[in-house]
Amino acid sequence: MRWLVVALAIALTGCGAAPSVGSAPLRLTIGGATVLDLAGLQTRAEAEVGYTLDFGYAARVSKDPVTCWFARTDLETEVDTRLWCGPVQV
């Protein structure tokens, strides 16, 4: 399971859309199905990237903290199946 999250979490570049801050809850979908726990998924991915950095499988490219985001694949709610994270170098 850990490697699945790492595979989803480690990405270097891409057009990303961080969850917007607003009064209405953000609804993102993958294949039409709603992503149920956006914050939890992002938090776990950031922890996994940190774990990967600690073991030397990836390197920091700046002093900024690792953050993860969803990349939109349409103009509505659909996002890529991968969760993008950075700034890291593999």
N, C-alpha and C. Protein backbone atom coordinates (compact mmCIF):
# COMPACT_ATOMS: atom_id res chain seq x y z
N MET A 1 0.83 -1.19 0.00
CA MET A 1 0.00 0.00 0.00
C MET A 1 0.87 1.25 0.00
N ARG A 2 1.97 1.21 0.76
CA ARG A 2 2.85 2.36 0.86
C ARG A 2 3.38 2.74 -0.53
N TRP A 3 3.79 1.74 -1.32
CA TRP A 3 4.36 2.03 -2.64
C TRP A 3 3.30 2.57 -3.59
N LEU A 4 2.05 2.15 -3.42
CA LEU A 4 0.98 2.69 -4.24
C LEU A 4 0.81 4.18 -3.98
N VAL A 5 0.84 4.55 -2.70
CA VAL A 5 0.71 5.97 -2.36
C VAL A 5 1.92 6.75 -2.87
N VAL A 6 3.13 6.15 -2.72
CA VAL A 6 4.33 6.82 -3.22
C VAL A 6 4.24 6.98 -4.73
N ALA A 7 3.78 5.94 -5.42
CA ALA A 7 3.65 6.03 -6.88
C ALA A 7 2.67 7.13 -7.27
N LEU A 8 1.60 7.26 -6.49
CA LEU A 8 0.64 8.32 -6.76
C LEU A 8 1.18 9.69 -6.38
N ALA A 9 2.01 9.71 -5.35
CA ALA A 9 2.42 10.99 -4.80
C ALA A 9 3.63 11.61 -5.47
N ILE A 10 4.57 10.80 -5.96
CA ILE A 10 5.79 11.36 -6.50
C ILE A 10 5.57 11.79 -7.94
N ALA A 11 5.58 13.05 -8.15
CA ALA A 11 5.49 13.63 -9.48
C ALA A 11 6.25 14.94 -9.44
N LEU A 12 6.87 15.26 -10.52
CA LEU A 12 7.75 16.42 -10.49
C LEU A 12 7.14 17.67 -11.11
N THR A 13 6.44 17.55 -12.19
CA THR A 13 5.90 18.72 -12.86
C THR A 13 4.48 18.46 -13.28
N GLY A 14 3.82 19.50 -13.72
CA GLY A 14 2.47 19.35 -14.24
C GLY A 14 1.66 20.57 -13.96
N CYS A 15 0.56 20.69 -14.66
CA CYS A 15 -0.38 21.77 -14.42
C CYS A 15 -1.23 21.34 -13.25
N GLY A 16 -1.17 22.07 -12.19
CA GLY A 16 -1.89 21.67 -11.01
C GLY A 16 -2.95 22.66 -10.61
N ALA A 17 -3.89 22.16 -9.88
CA ALA A 17 -4.93 23.01 -9.33
C ALA A 17 -5.07 22.64 -7.87
N ALA A 18 -4.57 23.47 -7.01
CA ALA A 18 -4.72 23.22 -5.58
C ALA A 18 -6.17 23.44 -5.21
N PRO A 19 -6.63 22.74 -4.20
CA PRO A 19 -8.01 22.97 -3.79
C PRO A 19 -8.25 24.44 -3.47
N SER A 20 -9.31 24.98 -4.00
CA SER A 20 -9.60 26.39 -3.78
C SER A 20 -10.20 26.60 -2.40
N VAL A 21 -9.92 27.74 -1.85
CA VAL A 21 -10.45 28.09 -0.55
C VAL A 21 -11.70 28.90 -0.78
N GLY A 22 -12.79 28.45 -0.25
CA GLY A 22 -14.04 29.17 -0.44
C GLY A 22 -15.08 28.66 0.54
N SER A 23 -16.29 29.17 0.40
CA SER A 23 -17.34 28.78 1.33
C SER A 23 -17.94 27.42 0.97
N ALA A 24 -18.01 27.08 -0.32
CA ALA A 24 -18.57 25.80 -0.72
C ALA A 24 -17.49 24.72 -0.68
N PRO A 25 -17.86 23.51 -0.21
CA PRO A 25 -16.86 22.44 -0.19
C PRO A 25 -16.45 22.07 -1.61
N LEU A 26 -15.17 21.80 -1.78
CA LEU A 26 -14.65 21.44 -3.08
C LEU A 26 -15.02 20.00 -3.38
N ARG A 27 -15.48 19.74 -4.60
CA ARG A 27 -15.83 18.39 -5.03
C ARG A 27 -14.95 18.06 -6.22
N LEU A 28 -14.08 17.07 -6.05
CA LEU A 28 -13.25 16.59 -7.15
C LEU A 28 -13.63 15.16 -7.46
N THR A 29 -13.50 14.78 -8.74
CA THR A 29 -13.85 13.43 -9.16
C THR A 29 -12.70 12.80 -9.93
N ILE A 30 -12.63 11.48 -9.86
CA ILE A 30 -11.70 10.69 -10.66
C ILE A 30 -12.56 9.63 -11.33
N GLY A 31 -12.62 9.67 -12.66
CA GLY A 31 -13.47 8.74 -13.38
C GLY A 31 -14.93 8.91 -13.04
N GLY A 32 -15.32 10.12 -12.65
CA GLY A 32 -16.70 10.40 -12.30
C GLY A 32 -17.04 10.12 -10.85
N ALA A 33 -16.17 9.42 -10.12
CA ALA A 33 -16.42 9.11 -8.72
C ALA A 33 -15.80 10.20 -7.84
N THR A 34 -16.52 10.63 -6.84
CA THR A 34 -16.06 11.69 -5.95
C THR A 34 -14.89 11.22 -5.09
N VAL A 35 -13.86 12.06 -5.00
CA VAL A 35 -12.75 11.80 -4.07
C VAL A 35 -13.28 12.16 -2.69
N LEU A 36 -13.36 11.17 -1.81
CA LEU A 36 -14.06 11.36 -0.54
C LEU A 36 -13.29 12.16 0.50
N ASP A 37 -12.00 11.95 0.61
CA ASP A 37 -11.22 12.59 1.67
C ASP A 37 -10.04 13.33 1.06
N LEU A 38 -10.30 14.49 0.48
CA LEU A 38 -9.25 15.27 -0.18
C LEU A 38 -8.10 15.60 0.75
N ALA A 39 -8.41 16.16 1.89
CA ALA A 39 -7.37 16.59 2.84
C ALA A 39 -6.58 15.39 3.35
N GLY A 40 -7.26 14.31 3.65
CA GLY A 40 -6.58 13.12 4.15
C GLY A 40 -5.65 12.52 3.12
N LEU A 41 -6.10 12.47 1.86
CA LEU A 41 -5.26 11.94 0.78
C LEU A 41 -4.02 12.80 0.59
N GLN A 42 -4.19 14.10 0.59
CA GLN A 42 -3.05 15.01 0.44
C GLN A 42 -2.09 14.88 1.62
N THR A 43 -2.61 14.81 2.83
CA THR A 43 -1.77 14.69 4.02
C THR A 43 -0.97 13.40 3.98
N ARG A 44 -1.62 12.28 3.63
CA ARG A 44 -0.91 11.00 3.56
C ARG A 44 0.14 11.02 2.47
N ALA A 45 -0.17 11.63 1.32
CA ALA A 45 0.81 11.71 0.22
C ALA A 45 2.02 12.53 0.63
N GLU A 46 1.79 13.66 1.28
CA GLU A 46 2.90 14.50 1.74
C GLU A 46 3.77 13.75 2.75
N ALA A 47 3.14 12.95 3.62
CA ALA A 47 3.90 12.15 4.59
C ALA A 47 4.73 11.08 3.86
N GLU A 48 4.16 10.46 2.84
CA GLU A 48 4.88 9.43 2.08
C GLU A 48 6.06 10.04 1.32
N VAL A 49 5.87 11.23 0.76
CA VAL A 49 6.99 11.88 0.07
C VAL A 49 8.07 12.22 1.08
N GLY A 50 7.69 12.68 2.26
CA GLY A 50 8.67 12.94 3.32
C GLY A 50 9.43 11.68 3.69
N TYR A 51 8.73 10.57 3.80
CA TYR A 51 9.35 9.27 4.10
C TYR A 51 10.35 8.91 2.99
N THR A 52 9.96 9.12 1.74
CA THR A 52 10.84 8.84 0.61
C THR A 52 12.07 9.73 0.63
N LEU A 53 11.89 11.00 0.99
CA LEU A 53 13.03 11.92 1.10
C LEU A 53 13.98 11.48 2.20
N ASP A 54 13.43 11.04 3.32
CA ASP A 54 14.26 10.60 4.45
C ASP A 54 15.15 9.40 4.09
N PHE A 55 14.66 8.55 3.20
CA PHE A 55 15.42 7.37 2.80
C PHE A 55 16.34 7.63 1.61
N GLY A 56 16.33 8.84 1.08
CA GLY A 56 17.24 9.19 0.00
C GLY A 56 16.80 8.75 -1.38
N TYR A 57 15.54 8.29 -1.53
CA TYR A 57 15.04 7.90 -2.84
C TYR A 57 14.70 9.11 -3.70
N ALA A 58 14.57 10.25 -3.08
CA ALA A 58 14.29 11.51 -3.76
C ALA A 58 15.05 12.59 -3.00
N ALA A 59 15.21 13.75 -3.63
CA ALA A 59 15.94 14.85 -3.00
C ALA A 59 15.11 16.12 -3.05
N ARG A 60 15.25 16.94 -2.04
CA ARG A 60 14.59 18.26 -2.05
C ARG A 60 15.29 19.14 -3.06
N VAL A 61 14.52 19.95 -3.77
CA VAL A 61 15.13 20.90 -4.71
C VAL A 61 15.03 22.32 -4.18
N SER A 62 14.41 22.48 -3.03
CA SER A 62 14.36 23.78 -2.36
C SER A 62 14.06 23.54 -0.89
N LYS A 63 14.06 24.60 -0.12
CA LYS A 63 13.77 24.47 1.31
C LYS A 63 12.27 24.53 1.59
N ASP A 64 11.48 24.73 0.54
CA ASP A 64 10.03 24.78 0.71
C ASP A 64 9.52 23.42 1.17
N PRO A 65 8.47 23.42 1.98
CA PRO A 65 7.90 22.13 2.39
C PRO A 65 7.25 21.43 1.20
N VAL A 66 7.21 20.12 1.25
CA VAL A 66 6.57 19.34 0.20
C VAL A 66 5.07 19.55 0.30
N THR A 67 4.46 19.84 -0.82
CA THR A 67 3.00 19.96 -0.88
C THR A 67 2.50 19.13 -2.05
N CYS A 68 1.26 18.68 -1.94
CA CYS A 68 0.66 17.88 -3.00
C CYS A 68 -0.62 18.55 -3.48
N TRP A 69 -0.98 18.29 -4.71
CA TRP A 69 -2.17 18.89 -5.30
C TRP A 69 -2.73 17.99 -6.37
N PHE A 70 -3.95 18.25 -6.75
CA PHE A 70 -4.63 17.51 -7.82
C PHE A 70 -4.51 18.30 -9.12
N ALA A 71 -4.22 17.62 -10.22
CA ALA A 71 -4.15 18.26 -11.53
C ALA A 71 -5.49 18.04 -12.24
N ARG A 72 -6.12 19.11 -12.61
CA ARG A 72 -7.42 19.00 -13.30
C ARG A 72 -7.23 18.47 -14.72
N THR A 73 -8.19 17.65 -15.13
CA THR A 73 -8.18 17.15 -16.51
C THR A 73 -9.33 17.74 -17.32
N ASP A 74 -10.16 18.52 -16.68
CA ASP A 74 -11.22 19.24 -17.38
C ASP A 74 -11.48 20.56 -16.65
N LEU A 75 -12.44 21.29 -17.11
CA LEU A 75 -12.72 22.59 -16.49
C LEU A 75 -13.72 22.51 -15.34
N GLU A 76 -14.19 21.30 -15.06
CA GLU A 76 -15.19 21.13 -14.00
C GLU A 76 -14.56 20.57 -12.74
N THR A 77 -14.76 19.27 -12.49
CA THR A 77 -14.31 18.66 -11.24
C THR A 77 -13.35 17.50 -11.44
N GLU A 78 -13.19 17.02 -12.67
CA GLU A 78 -12.38 15.83 -12.93
C GLU A 78 -10.89 16.13 -12.76
N VAL A 79 -10.18 15.23 -12.06
CA VAL A 79 -8.75 15.38 -11.84
C VAL A 79 -8.02 14.11 -12.29
N ASP A 80 -6.73 14.26 -12.47
CA ASP A 80 -5.86 13.16 -12.85
C ASP A 80 -5.85 12.10 -11.75
N THR A 81 -5.59 10.84 -12.12
CA THR A 81 -5.52 9.77 -11.13
C THR A 81 -4.28 9.88 -10.27
N ARG A 82 -3.31 10.68 -10.70
CA ARG A 82 -2.08 10.88 -9.92
C ARG A 82 -2.22 12.12 -9.06
N LEU A 83 -1.65 12.05 -7.88
CA LEU A 83 -1.58 13.21 -7.00
C LEU A 83 -0.19 13.79 -7.16
N TRP A 84 -0.09 15.05 -7.59
CA TRP A 84 1.19 15.69 -7.88
C TRP A 84 1.77 16.27 -6.61
N CYS A 85 3.10 16.11 -6.44
CA CYS A 85 3.77 16.63 -5.25
C CYS A 85 5.09 17.28 -5.64
N GLY A 86 5.52 18.24 -4.87
CA GLY A 86 6.80 18.88 -5.14
C GLY A 86 7.17 19.80 -3.99
N PRO A 87 8.27 20.40 -3.94
CA PRO A 87 9.36 20.30 -4.90
C PRO A 87 10.34 19.19 -4.52
N VAL A 88 10.39 18.15 -5.32
CA VAL A 88 11.33 17.06 -5.11
C VAL A 88 11.95 16.66 -6.44
N GLN A 89 13.05 15.97 -6.36
CA GLN A 89 13.72 15.46 -7.56
C GLN A 89 13.98 13.98 -7.32
N VAL A 90 13.61 13.16 -8.28
CA VAL A 90 13.80 11.71 -8.15
C VAL A 90 14.97 11.30 -9.03
